[in-house]
Each structure stands twice: as C-alpha cells, then as structure tokens.
Amino acid sequence: MRRLSYLYATLFCFISVCLSAQTDEYVTTPTDTVKKTKVYLEHSDILSFDQNINPDAQVLTGNVIFRHDSAYMYCDSAYFFELTNSLEAFSNVRMEQGDTLFVYGNYLFYDGNTQIANLRENVRMENRQMTLFTDSLNYDRTADIAYYFEGGLIVDEENELSSYYGQYSPATKMAIFNDSVRLENLQFTLYSDTLHYNTDSKIADILGPSVIESDSGTVYTSRGWYNTTNDYSLLLDRSEIVSGNRILIGDSIIYDRENGYSEVFGNMLLRDTVQKVIMEGQYGFFNERTEYAFATDSARFIEYSQGDTLYLHADTLEMATVDSTFREIKAYYGVRFFRTDLQGVCDSMQFNTKDSVMFMYNDPIVWNEAYQLYGDTIVLFMNDSTIDYAHVRQFAFAVQLVDTTYYNQLKGNDLKAFFEGKTVRQIDVEGNAESIFYPLEESGAMIGLNETKSGFLSIWVHENKLEKLKIWPSPTGSLTPIPDLDPTQKTLKDFYWFDYIRPQHKDDIYQVVRRKEGEAPKRSNKFIR
C-alpha cells in the first residue's frame, strides 16, 4: 500500500508539471488588474490531498521545492494552495534568490500574487557579508525590502546593529532601524532612536536622539552621519562631545574620533568643567589629545573659577594645555575684557590659568573704578578672586578721574599698582616719575594743582582719595591754586582719557570702538605668537 501511495504521488506531480507547462505563465482572477506570475511546485517526495480537512491544499512532504520566477523555496513539508498562488512551508525553510540572497527559518508563508514572504522563528537572512537575525521577518520581493517588527539584529564585518523595528534592502544595501537602536563596534557603541545604515559603505545616518560612547568620550547628537570604518563623522543640530572634563558643543561638528580632532561651524562652545573656563566662537576646532583649542568670529573666553567672572573677546582665541591644571590662553586683535572690578583693551593678550597672570601687549589700557592705566605693556597678577597688582612696563601712565575735567596723573618708566580688595591701594613709579595731584580740603573742594618730578614716587590711596605721597630722591614740585591754573598745566605730556572705549558690561566687549586720531600711538611691536 505504501509503494502504491508513492507511485500515485509521483504520477500526480508529473501530471501537474505537464499541465502547468501547457498553461499560460500567468494566473488571473476576476478582481486582478495586473497579471501575476505563478508559483510552481518543482519537487516533493510525497504529495497528498485530504478533501475533508483542507480541500484547497496539496500536502507535500520530503525535500519540497518551489519556484517563483528566479526565487526558490525549500522545506521539509508544505501546504500548496495552487488556486490562491500561495504556500505554507515548515521546518528547515530556505529561500534563495540569485546567488547572493539566502533566507532561513522554521516557517514560511508565501503569497505569489503579492510576492510577500512571511518567515517566522529563528529567521536568518544572508546577503553577501551581511546577516540579519530575527524571529519575525517579512520580505517584499517586489520592493526588495525585508523588515522585522519584534526585534532583530544585523551583523557585518564591522558592526552589529539591533533594534525593535528594522528593514533591509538587498538591492541598495540600506538598513533602517527604529526604536531601541544599538550599534556595536569594537571601538564604540551607538545608541539611537532612528538610524539608517549602509552595509556597503558602513556609514550610519543618525536621524534621532543618539548617544555614542567610547573610551575617548561620549557624543550626544540627534542628526548627522558616522563612518564606522574610519571613525569620521558629521554631527548637526547642536551636537555635544564630552571628553573627560571638556564639553564641546556646536551647530555643526566634523569629528575625527580616531585622531581626537573636532572642527566646529556655528555657535561653538568649549567648556572645561575643572578649570572653569569657556571658549566660544562662530568657528573653531579642538584637539582632545593635545587639548589645543582655537576660536574665531565673535570669539569669547570666559573664566569663572573665582568670585568674579572674566569675559574676554578678541578676533582670534587660542587655548593650549600645558599640564593637567594649567591652561594658556592667547588672544589676538581687538582684545576687550570685562570684570566688575577690572576692564581692559589691547591688541593682543596672553592669560595663564596656573598663576592667573595676564599679559597685555600693544596699546594696553586697564580701568579700575576711577583709575585708568596704560603704557607699553601691562601685566596683571590675580590673587584668588581679586587683583593682586598691575605692572605697567615702559611708558607707564596712571590717571584718576577727580571731577569732570580734573585728573590726578602719574607718569614714569615703570609703574606698579597694588590692590586691596577690588580697589587701588598703592602705586609705585620708578624712573622719571612725574605727578599731578589735586589736593582736597575736608569739604571736598580742590586746593590747587600739585606737580612733582623725581626719580621715584609712591602714593597710598584710601577710598579713592590720596592718603600719603612719597617722592625721592631730590624731588621738585610746585602748588598752583585753581584760579591761577593755565589749561596747559592740567595734564602731563602723553595724557589721554580713554573712557569712551572702556567696556561697560559683559556684552560690551563685542563693541568695535576705535581711538581718536592722534591718540596714544603704538609704542611697541610686541605680539604673542
């Protein structure tokens, strides 16, 4: 009886194949508007019918093979629904399309009219060097897109990518991932909400909130692309790179993670959370290995480690790291800075965070309350949150506003102004010291103009008023009453009052203010490079 069943099944397969060969290659139904190709049964060890259980299905067992156009489907057993041009395949399911696409699973439902294959349980799709793993996969042969919706994993030579939902196109080699996306690389891990990935180029397109973690730091971004073969990326939409205690933010960032280099376009912000400094600019770059930073175009440096914050602007800023606790900041062209107790302008500047020393070059001017200092070079020494002293080197001039057009003045080769709290307490002048002072009566009225000349001079100030004056050796001087003053006597040679270019607040550092013609010519060509 078993032998007769086998002969019957073989004969039925032979008749079916012969009849199929004589019929049209297309099957249609009254509702079809487009002709569809037919699914063929190529082989089965056993074929049977059960009219009572399923009159529309051919029951196939053993080495079952189907063909639909260029696609072949293999399994251990199947139901073939010839009228609906569909099939169900069970156990050791394999689907082949050409010599590059192979799909495996425990179960397959294939509709030849829609050309959609639904594979379930232990599904694996192989396309050259790419392998997709999932338990539920639908493959649309017409669109050439496979997609999973209950979690899946794609693996290639470089990366492993997983997500809750994903799709893959064998033709374009493009994969799309949504929800709980994770890209694993030997050098980093990328977490995302939405990610597109090309298995040929190994480039990931970031289209949703994402985090990239590696030994060198962490990247936060919501849009851009990342080349996983060379660790080169473009990060958009105010992305953020965290490297140790440094945070880099920008509208657009070109990031070379392998070499630790970032180039920023638009609203750059670099923050050192340990040193408590910030560098800003519309363009800049940062090397996280050497810790060198550059900023230009509305460049600003902010130092907030002390009680009073320093705001500094220049055309170009550089920040170099000397050691783990020492930063060196250089500013070029049009330097302006503001602190509540100190303001200044100059052409170029260098600031050392280790000892809090600021060097000002080329026409430097510093203001403190009613005092103005200027000269060839000015060096400011900070002490914690206050100024320790200011050293004006060569052609030193100190001016104090007394009342409208009256100014106390000190002049010499070298000048040091010492501060107590946030105000000037003592000023020492060395070499060719000259002074003009307006002594005050107890009522506040000016007595006259006191003019002196000597080799050295020291003054002590209390509440912005002259407390004591020391002049040596061989001083000369005179006192001229106010009514007898000639206007030419009121100022020393090279006196200038630059209050109109003084930064008034932290945002005023961006103002472009030029000195009046003929005022304070350059006396030094020093420049920090």
Protein backbone atom coordinates (compact mmCIF):
# COMPACT_ATOMS: atom_id res chain seq x y z
CA MET A 1 0.00 0.00 0.00
CA ARG A 2 2.87 2.42 0.88
CA ARG A 3 4.50 1.70 -2.50
CA LEU A 4 1.20 2.44 -4.31
CA SER A 5 0.87 5.78 -2.46
CA TYR A 6 4.36 6.76 -3.52
CA LEU A 7 3.66 5.85 -7.17
CA TYR A 8 0.40 7.78 -7.04
CA ALA A 9 2.09 10.89 -5.65
CA THR A 10 4.86 10.71 -8.25
CA LEU A 11 2.34 10.31 -11.07
CA PHE A 12 0.27 13.25 -9.76
CA CYS A 13 3.35 15.52 -9.63
CA PHE A 14 4.27 14.52 -13.18
CA ILE A 15 0.74 15.28 -14.46
CA SER A 16 0.69 18.63 -12.58
CA VAL A 17 4.01 19.69 -14.05
CA CYS A 18 2.89 18.70 -17.57
CA LEU A 19 -0.38 20.60 -17.25
CA SER A 20 1.42 23.66 -15.86
CA ALA A 21 3.84 23.62 -18.79
CA GLN A 22 0.93 23.72 -21.24
CA THR A 23 -0.92 26.59 -19.49
CA ASP A 24 -0.25 30.31 -19.55
CA GLU A 25 2.65 31.55 -17.35
CA TYR A 26 0.25 33.94 -15.64
CA VAL A 27 -2.74 33.33 -13.39
CA THR A 28 -5.55 35.82 -13.04
CA THR A 29 -8.73 36.26 -11.07
CA PRO A 30 -11.72 38.44 -11.92
CA THR A 31 -10.56 41.10 -9.46
CA ASP A 32 -6.96 41.24 -10.73
CA THR A 33 -5.92 44.31 -12.67
CA VAL A 34 -2.28 43.20 -13.08
CA LYS A 35 -1.15 39.75 -14.21
CA LYS A 36 0.89 37.84 -11.64
CA THR A 37 3.40 35.07 -12.21
CA LYS A 38 2.64 31.60 -10.98
CA VAL A 39 4.29 29.67 -8.13
CA TYR A 40 5.50 26.21 -9.29
CA LEU A 41 5.96 23.05 -7.32
CA GLU A 42 9.28 21.70 -8.50
CA HIS A 43 9.59 18.62 -6.30
CA SER A 44 8.18 16.70 -3.35
CA ASP A 45 8.80 13.16 -2.18
CA ILE A 46 5.14 12.72 -1.21
CA LEU A 47 2.06 14.63 -2.31
CA SER A 48 -1.43 14.00 -0.93
CA PHE A 49 -4.91 15.52 -0.58
CA ASP A 50 -7.34 15.46 2.30
CA GLN A 51 -10.68 16.62 0.99
CA ASN A 52 -12.25 16.68 4.44
CA ILE A 53 -9.56 18.69 6.26
CA ASN A 54 -8.41 21.17 3.59
CA PRO A 55 -9.78 20.67 0.08
CA ASP A 56 -7.71 23.58 -1.33
CA ALA A 57 -4.30 22.41 -0.14
CA GLN A 58 -1.84 19.99 -1.59
CA VAL A 59 0.02 18.36 1.30
CA LEU A 60 3.70 17.96 0.47
CA THR A 61 6.32 16.05 2.44
CA GLY A 62 10.03 15.43 1.95
CA ASN A 63 12.53 17.59 0.00
CA VAL A 64 9.90 20.07 -1.07
CA ILE A 65 10.99 22.65 -3.66
CA PHE A 66 9.01 25.63 -5.02
CA ARG A 67 9.96 28.15 -7.68
CA HIS A 68 8.62 31.60 -8.27
CA ASP A 69 10.38 33.44 -11.08
CA SER A 70 14.07 33.46 -10.00
CA ALA A 71 13.32 32.61 -6.36
CA TYR A 72 13.49 29.06 -4.99
CA MET A 73 11.96 27.89 -1.70
CA TYR A 74 12.95 24.70 0.12
CA CYS A 75 11.44 22.95 3.16
CA ASP A 76 10.69 19.58 4.78
CA SER A 77 6.91 19.86 4.36
CA ALA A 78 4.38 22.30 2.98
CA TYR A 79 0.81 23.18 2.07
CA PHE A 80 0.47 24.36 -1.51
CA PHE A 81 -2.58 26.44 -2.34
CA GLU A 82 -2.49 26.44 -6.11
CA LEU A 83 -5.76 28.34 -6.54
CA THR A 84 -4.55 31.30 -4.42
CA ASN A 85 -0.97 31.00 -5.71
CA SER A 86 0.40 30.68 -2.17
CA LEU A 87 2.07 28.21 0.14
CA GLU A 88 2.96 27.40 3.73
CA ALA A 89 6.35 25.83 4.40
CA PHE A 90 7.50 24.08 7.57
CA SER A 91 10.86 23.04 9.03
CA ASN A 92 14.30 23.76 7.53
CA VAL A 93 12.84 26.51 5.38
CA ARG A 94 15.26 28.07 2.93
CA MET A 95 14.60 30.77 0.34
CA GLU A 96 17.15 31.59 -2.36
CA GLN A 97 17.15 34.48 -4.80
CA GLY A 98 20.07 34.53 -7.19
CA ASP A 99 23.44 33.65 -5.72
CA THR A 100 23.60 36.45 -3.13
CA LEU A 101 20.39 36.32 -1.09
CA PHE A 102 19.52 33.44 1.27
CA VAL A 103 16.80 33.38 3.90
CA TYR A 104 16.35 30.65 6.53
CA GLY A 105 13.64 29.95 9.10
CA ASN A 106 11.31 27.40 10.69
CA TYR A 107 8.15 28.64 8.96
CA LEU A 108 7.26 30.46 5.74
CA PHE A 109 4.03 31.76 4.26
CA TYR A 110 4.48 32.99 0.72
CA ASP A 111 1.88 34.77 -1.42
CA GLY A 112 2.84 34.63 -5.08
CA ASN A 113 0.38 37.35 -6.02
CA THR A 114 1.79 39.96 -3.64
CA GLN A 115 5.27 38.37 -3.68
CA ILE A 116 5.49 38.79 0.08
CA ALA A 117 7.22 36.13 2.18
CA ASN A 118 6.44 35.91 5.89
CA LEU A 119 9.13 33.96 7.77
CA ARG A 120 8.96 33.07 11.46
CA GLU A 121 11.15 31.51 14.16
CA ASN A 122 14.95 31.52 14.00
CA VAL A 123 14.95 33.58 10.83
CA ARG A 124 18.28 34.38 9.21
CA MET A 125 18.82 36.44 6.04
CA GLU A 126 22.24 36.40 4.37
CA ASN A 127 23.25 38.90 1.70
CA ARG A 128 26.98 38.70 0.93
CA GLN A 129 28.74 39.91 4.12
CA MET A 130 25.51 40.95 5.86
CA THR A 131 23.46 38.64 8.09
CA LEU A 132 20.09 39.54 9.60
CA PHE A 133 18.74 37.63 12.62
CA THR A 134 15.14 37.80 13.89
CA ASP A 135 12.12 35.69 14.79
CA SER A 136 9.66 37.53 12.55
CA LEU A 137 10.63 38.73 9.07
CA ASN A 138 8.51 39.87 6.14
CA TYR A 139 10.21 40.08 2.77
CA ASP A 140 8.58 42.01 -0.07
CA ARG A 141 10.21 40.71 -3.25
CA THR A 142 8.61 43.40 -5.42
CA ALA A 143 10.01 46.27 -3.35
CA ASP A 144 13.05 44.15 -2.43
CA ILE A 145 12.68 45.08 1.22
CA ALA A 146 12.81 42.83 4.28
CA TYR A 147 11.54 44.11 7.60
CA TYR A 148 11.20 42.88 11.16
CA PHE A 149 8.96 44.28 13.88
CA GLU A 150 9.62 42.32 17.07
CA GLY A 151 13.36 42.86 17.44
CA GLY A 152 16.22 41.97 15.15
CA LEU A 153 19.98 42.05 14.65
CA ILE A 154 22.08 42.86 11.56
CA VAL A 155 25.76 41.86 11.53
CA ASP A 156 28.50 42.69 9.02
CA GLU A 157 32.31 42.78 9.06
CA GLU A 158 32.44 46.00 11.11
CA ASN A 159 29.31 46.28 13.23
CA GLU A 160 26.37 44.66 14.97
CA LEU A 161 23.11 46.64 14.81
CA SER A 162 19.96 45.80 16.74
CA SER A 163 16.56 47.45 17.15
CA TYR A 164 12.92 46.68 17.81
CA TYR A 165 11.89 47.54 14.25
CA GLY A 166 14.13 47.39 11.19
CA GLN A 167 14.20 46.90 7.48
CA TYR A 168 16.82 45.97 4.92
CA SER A 169 17.04 46.31 1.13
CA PRO A 170 19.36 43.77 -0.57
CA ALA A 171 19.45 45.96 -3.71
CA THR A 172 20.60 49.20 -2.04
CA LYS A 173 22.30 47.55 0.99
CA MET A 174 20.48 50.13 3.11
CA ALA A 175 19.12 49.20 6.54
CA ILE A 176 16.67 51.28 8.58
CA PHE A 177 16.39 50.93 12.35
CA ASN A 178 13.79 52.36 14.75
CA ASP A 179 13.17 52.10 18.49
CA SER A 180 15.92 50.99 20.90
CA VAL A 181 18.64 51.07 18.24
CA ARG A 182 22.10 49.85 19.24
CA LEU A 183 25.21 49.81 17.01
CA GLU A 184 28.11 47.81 18.45
CA ASN A 185 31.63 48.44 17.15
CA LEU A 186 34.95 47.32 18.60
CA GLN A 187 35.79 50.98 19.27
CA PHE A 188 32.42 52.42 20.32
CA THR A 189 28.72 51.80 20.94
CA LEU A 190 25.98 53.95 19.39
CA TYR A 191 22.51 54.17 20.93
CA SER A 192 19.78 55.81 18.88
CA ASP A 193 16.09 56.27 18.27
CA THR A 194 16.32 56.24 14.47
CA LEU A 195 19.28 55.14 12.37
CA HIS A 196 19.95 54.37 8.69
CA TYR A 197 22.95 52.20 7.88
CA ASN A 198 24.57 51.14 4.61
CA THR A 199 26.21 47.70 4.84
CA ASP A 200 28.49 48.51 1.90
CA SER A 201 29.84 51.92 2.92
CA LYS A 202 29.47 51.20 6.67
CA ILE A 203 28.10 54.74 7.11
CA ALA A 204 25.37 55.28 9.69
CA ASP A 205 22.92 58.16 9.16
CA ILE A 206 21.68 59.48 12.51
CA LEU A 207 18.09 60.74 12.37
CA GLY A 208 17.02 60.79 16.02
CA PRO A 209 18.35 61.40 19.55
CA SER A 210 21.57 59.38 19.81
CA VAL A 211 24.48 58.72 22.17
CA ILE A 212 27.90 57.41 21.06
CA GLU A 213 30.07 56.02 23.85
CA SER A 214 33.77 55.14 23.58
CA ASP A 215 36.95 55.18 25.64
CA SER A 216 37.71 58.68 24.39
CA GLY A 217 34.38 60.17 25.48
CA THR A 218 30.68 60.47 24.74
CA VAL A 219 28.85 62.12 21.84
CA TYR A 220 25.27 63.43 22.06
CA THR A 221 23.56 64.21 18.77
CA SER A 222 20.20 64.00 17.00
CA ARG A 223 21.24 64.30 13.35
CA GLY A 224 24.30 63.59 11.23
CA TRP A 225 26.31 60.66 9.89
CA TYR A 226 29.08 58.44 11.21
CA ASN A 227 31.57 56.48 9.08
CA THR A 228 32.22 53.41 11.22
CA THR A 229 35.30 52.30 9.24
CA ASN A 230 37.42 55.39 9.93
CA ASP A 231 35.56 56.95 12.91
CA TYR A 232 34.85 60.13 10.92
CA SER A 233 31.52 61.87 11.38
CA LEU A 234 29.43 64.97 10.74
CA LEU A 235 27.25 65.96 13.71
CA LEU A 236 24.46 68.52 13.28
CA ASP A 237 21.79 70.32 15.32
CA ARG A 238 23.83 71.47 18.34
CA SER A 239 25.62 68.21 18.96
CA GLU A 240 27.78 67.72 22.05
CA ILE A 241 31.10 65.90 22.54
CA VAL A 242 32.22 65.14 26.10
CA SER A 243 35.88 64.23 26.56
CA GLY A 244 36.96 63.99 30.18
CA ASN A 245 36.23 67.33 31.82
CA ARG A 246 35.82 69.12 28.47
CA ILE A 247 32.48 69.62 26.70
CA LEU A 248 32.35 70.76 23.06
CA ILE A 249 29.06 71.99 21.53
CA GLY A 250 28.36 73.38 18.04
CA ASP A 251 25.72 73.78 15.36
CA SER A 252 27.77 71.51 13.08
CA ILE A 253 30.80 69.47 14.11
CA ILE A 254 33.17 67.47 11.93
CA TYR A 255 34.50 64.87 14.35
CA ASP A 256 37.53 62.65 13.70
CA ARG A 257 37.33 60.36 16.73
CA GLU A 258 40.37 58.30 15.75
CA ASN A 259 42.63 61.36 15.82
CA GLY A 260 40.67 63.20 18.52
CA TYR A 261 40.03 66.25 16.29
CA SER A 262 36.83 68.32 16.06
CA GLU A 263 36.06 71.23 13.71
CA VAL A 264 33.06 73.36 14.64
CA PHE A 265 30.88 75.59 12.45
CA GLY A 266 28.39 77.90 14.17
CA ASN A 267 28.00 78.77 17.86
CA MET A 268 30.98 76.83 19.16
CA LEU A 269 31.17 76.37 22.92
CA LEU A 270 34.07 74.60 24.65
CA ARG A 271 33.78 74.23 28.43
CA ASP A 272 36.42 72.94 30.86
CA THR A 273 34.43 71.95 33.95
CA VAL A 274 37.54 71.59 36.14
CA GLN A 275 39.38 74.77 35.19
CA LYS A 276 36.01 76.54 34.89
CA VAL A 277 36.73 78.24 31.59
CA ILE A 278 34.63 78.56 28.42
CA MET A 279 35.74 79.34 24.86
CA GLU A 280 33.18 80.45 22.27
CA GLY A 281 33.17 81.45 18.59
CA GLN A 282 31.30 81.05 15.34
CA TYR A 283 34.13 78.85 14.05
CA GLY A 284 36.75 76.82 15.85
CA PHE A 285 38.39 73.48 16.43
CA PHE A 286 39.58 71.34 19.31
CA ASN A 287 42.13 68.53 19.60
CA GLU A 288 41.17 66.39 22.58
CA ARG A 289 44.56 64.63 22.59
CA THR A 290 46.74 67.74 22.77
CA GLU A 291 43.91 69.76 24.36
CA TYR A 292 44.55 72.64 21.96
CA ALA A 293 41.55 74.82 21.05
CA PHE A 294 41.03 77.63 18.54
CA ALA A 295 38.08 80.02 18.10
CA THR A 296 37.36 82.99 15.86
CA ASP A 297 34.44 85.13 14.64
CA SER A 298 32.78 86.65 17.73
CA ALA A 299 35.27 84.70 19.83
CA ARG A 300 34.87 84.93 23.60
CA PHE A 301 36.72 83.49 26.59
CA ILE A 302 35.01 83.20 29.99
CA GLU A 303 36.85 82.40 33.21
CA TYR A 304 34.51 81.74 36.16
CA SER A 305 36.72 79.90 38.65
CA GLN A 306 36.80 82.89 41.01
CA GLY A 307 34.15 85.03 42.61
CA ASP A 308 34.11 87.46 39.69
CA THR A 309 33.74 86.20 36.12
CA LEU A 310 36.12 87.39 33.39
CA TYR A 311 34.62 87.97 29.90
CA LEU A 312 37.20 88.42 27.16
CA HIS A 313 36.67 88.99 23.43
CA ALA A 314 39.15 89.04 20.54
CA ASP A 315 39.18 88.35 16.82
CA THR A 316 41.01 85.06 17.47
CA LEU A 317 41.47 82.95 20.59
CA GLU A 318 43.77 80.02 21.29
CA MET A 319 43.83 77.76 24.34
CA ALA A 320 46.71 75.36 24.92
CA THR A 321 47.09 72.85 27.75
CA VAL A 322 50.48 72.78 29.46
CA ASP A 323 49.59 70.18 32.08
CA SER A 324 46.53 68.79 33.83
CA THR A 325 45.94 72.00 35.77
CA PHE A 326 47.50 74.68 33.57
CA ARG A 327 45.91 76.39 30.55
CA GLU A 328 47.45 79.10 28.42
CA ILE A 329 45.04 81.41 26.57
CA LYS A 330 46.16 83.73 23.79
CA ALA A 331 44.03 86.46 22.24
CA TYR A 332 44.82 88.31 19.01
CA TYR A 333 43.50 91.57 17.58
CA GLY A 334 40.92 93.83 19.16
CA VAL A 335 41.06 92.41 22.69
CA ARG A 336 38.40 93.68 25.09
CA PHE A 337 37.59 92.22 28.51
CA PHE A 338 35.24 92.92 31.40
CA ARG A 339 35.11 92.07 35.08
CA THR A 340 33.09 94.09 37.56
CA ASP A 341 36.32 95.26 39.21
CA LEU A 342 38.54 95.40 36.11
CA GLN A 343 38.14 96.25 32.44
CA GLY A 344 40.68 96.48 29.65
CA VAL A 345 41.52 96.72 25.96
CA CYS A 346 44.66 95.93 23.98
CA ASP A 347 45.77 94.47 20.67
CA SER A 348 46.90 91.07 21.96
CA MET A 349 46.95 89.20 25.26
CA GLN A 350 48.14 86.05 26.99
CA PHE A 351 46.48 84.61 30.09
CA ASN A 352 47.95 81.80 32.22
CA THR A 353 45.45 80.00 34.43
CA LYS A 354 48.09 78.36 36.63
CA ASP A 355 49.30 81.58 38.28
CA SER A 356 46.43 83.79 37.00
CA VAL A 357 48.75 86.20 35.16
CA MET A 358 47.50 88.27 32.22
CA PHE A 359 49.97 89.86 29.75
CA MET A 360 48.62 92.74 27.64
CA TYR A 361 50.53 93.98 24.57
CA ASN A 362 50.27 96.85 22.06
CA ASP A 363 48.40 99.88 23.44
CA PRO A 364 47.04 98.19 26.57
CA ILE A 365 44.61 100.09 28.81
CA VAL A 366 43.16 98.93 32.13
CA TRP A 367 40.41 100.53 34.21
CA ASN A 368 39.54 100.05 37.87
CA GLU A 369 36.76 102.21 39.23
CA ALA A 370 38.01 105.79 38.67
CA TYR A 371 41.55 104.70 37.68
CA GLN A 372 42.96 104.20 34.20
CA LEU A 373 46.36 102.60 33.49
CA TYR A 374 48.11 102.47 30.13
CA GLY A 375 51.59 102.01 28.80
CA ASP A 376 53.80 99.86 26.57
CA THR A 377 52.96 96.52 28.27
CA ILE A 378 50.69 95.70 31.21
CA VAL A 379 50.92 92.54 33.32
CA LEU A 380 48.02 91.77 35.67
CA PHE A 381 48.56 89.43 38.61
CA MET A 382 45.39 87.88 40.02
CA ASN A 383 45.05 86.57 43.57
CA ASP A 384 42.12 84.23 44.10
CA SER A 385 39.04 86.26 43.20
CA THR A 386 40.75 89.68 43.31
CA ILE A 387 43.57 91.55 41.60
CA ASP A 388 46.92 91.42 43.38
CA TYR A 389 48.71 94.09 41.38
CA ALA A 390 49.16 95.54 37.89
CA HIS A 391 52.62 96.12 36.42
CA VAL A 392 52.88 98.72 33.63
CA ARG A 393 56.19 98.30 31.85
CA GLN A 394 57.81 101.23 29.99
CA PHE A 395 55.98 104.45 29.25
CA ALA A 396 53.71 103.95 32.26
CA PHE A 397 50.77 106.25 32.89
CA ALA A 398 48.11 106.21 35.64
CA VAL A 399 45.10 108.52 35.61
CA GLN A 400 42.38 109.05 38.23
CA LEU A 401 39.24 110.98 37.46
CA VAL A 402 38.70 113.65 40.11
CA ASP A 403 35.89 115.82 38.77
CA THR A 404 34.79 116.33 35.15
CA THR A 405 37.96 117.81 33.60
CA TYR A 406 40.35 117.31 36.51
CA TYR A 407 42.56 114.22 36.68
CA ASN A 408 45.23 113.01 39.09
CA GLN A 409 48.12 111.71 36.99
CA LEU A 410 51.26 109.61 37.47
CA LYS A 411 53.88 109.00 34.82
CA GLY A 412 57.20 107.16 34.67
CA ASN A 413 59.28 104.42 33.11
CA ASP A 414 57.75 101.66 35.22
CA LEU A 415 54.61 101.55 37.37
CA LYS A 416 53.05 99.06 39.78
CA ALA A 417 49.51 99.47 41.10
CA PHE A 418 48.69 97.33 44.17
CA PHE A 419 45.12 96.45 45.01
CA GLU A 420 43.38 95.87 48.30
CA GLY A 421 40.12 94.08 47.78
CA LYS A 422 38.94 95.38 44.43
CA THR A 423 40.34 98.92 44.60
CA VAL A 424 43.75 100.54 44.16
CA ARG A 425 45.62 100.91 47.45
CA GLN A 426 49.18 101.85 46.44
CA ILE A 427 51.00 102.96 43.27
CA ASP A 428 54.79 102.90 42.84
CA VAL A 429 56.52 104.68 39.96
CA GLU A 430 60.16 104.09 39.04
CA GLY A 431 62.29 106.23 36.70
CA ASN A 432 61.49 109.80 35.64
CA ALA A 433 58.48 109.92 37.91
CA GLU A 434 56.08 112.81 37.30
CA SER A 435 52.79 113.52 39.02
CA ILE A 436 49.88 115.91 39.03
CA PHE A 437 47.53 115.85 42.03
CA TYR A 438 44.66 117.97 43.17
CA PRO A 439 44.73 118.02 47.00
CA LEU A 440 41.27 118.34 48.55
CA GLU A 441 40.08 120.22 51.58
CA GLU A 442 37.92 118.41 54.12
CA SER A 443 34.89 119.91 52.41
CA GLY A 444 35.96 118.25 49.16
CA ALA A 445 36.99 121.48 47.43
CA MET A 446 40.20 121.38 45.40
CA ILE A 447 43.08 123.37 46.88
CA GLY A 448 45.12 123.55 43.72
CA LEU A 449 47.38 121.59 41.38
CA ASN A 450 50.37 119.87 42.96
CA GLU A 451 53.00 118.98 40.34
CA THR A 452 56.14 116.97 41.21
CA LYS A 453 59.17 115.44 39.47
CA SER A 454 61.57 112.90 40.92
CA GLY A 455 63.33 109.60 40.32
CA PHE A 456 60.83 107.53 42.30
CA LEU A 457 57.33 108.07 43.62
CA SER A 458 54.86 106.17 45.79
CA ILE A 459 51.29 107.05 46.69
CA TRP A 460 48.79 105.45 49.06
CA VAL A 461 45.10 105.75 48.33
CA HIS A 462 42.12 105.25 50.61
CA GLU A 463 38.57 105.36 49.28
CA ASN A 464 39.92 106.77 46.01
CA LYS A 465 41.49 109.70 47.84
CA LEU A 466 45.20 110.46 48.22
CA GLU A 467 46.26 109.35 51.68
CA LYS A 468 50.06 109.70 51.50
CA LEU A 469 52.69 110.69 48.95
CA LYS A 470 56.40 109.77 49.00
CA ILE A 471 58.89 111.21 46.50
CA TRP A 472 62.65 110.56 46.31
CA PRO A 473 65.49 111.41 45.73
CA SER A 474 65.82 115.17 45.14
CA PRO A 475 62.18 115.86 44.30
CA THR A 476 60.98 119.12 42.82
CA GLY A 477 57.44 120.38 42.92
CA SER A 478 55.02 123.25 42.93
CA LEU A 479 51.45 124.02 44.01
CA THR A 480 49.32 126.22 41.80
CA PRO A 481 45.95 127.46 43.09
CA ILE A 482 42.94 126.55 40.96
CA PRO A 483 42.17 130.15 39.92
CA ASP A 484 45.74 130.56 38.62
CA LEU A 485 45.78 127.38 36.53
CA ASP A 486 46.68 127.59 32.88
CA PRO A 487 44.77 124.88 30.88
CA THR A 488 48.09 123.56 29.54
CA GLN A 489 49.21 122.83 33.11
CA LYS A 490 46.30 120.48 33.85
CA THR A 491 47.79 117.42 32.12
CA LEU A 492 51.17 115.78 31.70
CA LYS A 493 52.57 115.03 28.27
CA ASP A 494 51.05 111.94 26.67
CA PHE A 495 47.91 112.21 28.83
CA TYR A 496 44.78 110.64 27.36
CA TRP A 497 41.41 109.76 28.87
CA PHE A 498 40.02 106.71 27.08
CA ASP A 499 36.77 106.26 28.97
CA TYR A 500 34.78 106.21 25.71
CA ILE A 501 36.33 102.86 24.72
CA ARG A 502 36.02 101.31 28.16
CA PRO A 503 33.89 98.11 28.23
CA GLN A 504 30.83 98.92 30.31
CA HIS A 505 29.37 95.41 30.73
CA LYS A 506 29.99 91.82 29.66
CA ASP A 507 28.24 92.22 26.29
CA ASP A 508 30.04 95.49 25.54
CA ILE A 509 33.24 93.54 24.85
CA TYR A 510 31.93 92.93 21.30
CA GLN A 511 31.74 96.65 20.50
CA VAL A 512 34.19 97.89 17.88
CA VAL A 513 35.48 101.22 19.24
CA ARG A 514 38.41 102.98 17.64
CA ARG A 515 40.62 105.54 19.30
CA LYS A 516 40.51 109.12 18.17
CA GLU A 517 43.04 110.18 15.59
CA GLY A 518 46.34 111.17 17.16
CA GLU A 519 45.65 109.50 20.49
CA ALA A 520 48.08 107.05 22.11
CA PRO A 521 50.24 105.93 19.17
CA LYS A 522 51.65 102.42 19.31
CA ARG A 523 54.85 102.25 21.33
CA SER A 524 55.59 98.57 20.98
CA ASN A 525 55.60 95.95 18.25
CA LYS A 526 55.41 93.11 20.73
CA PHE A 527 52.96 90.42 19.77
CA ILE A 528 52.32 87.00 21.24
CA ARG A 529 52.87 84.16 18.79
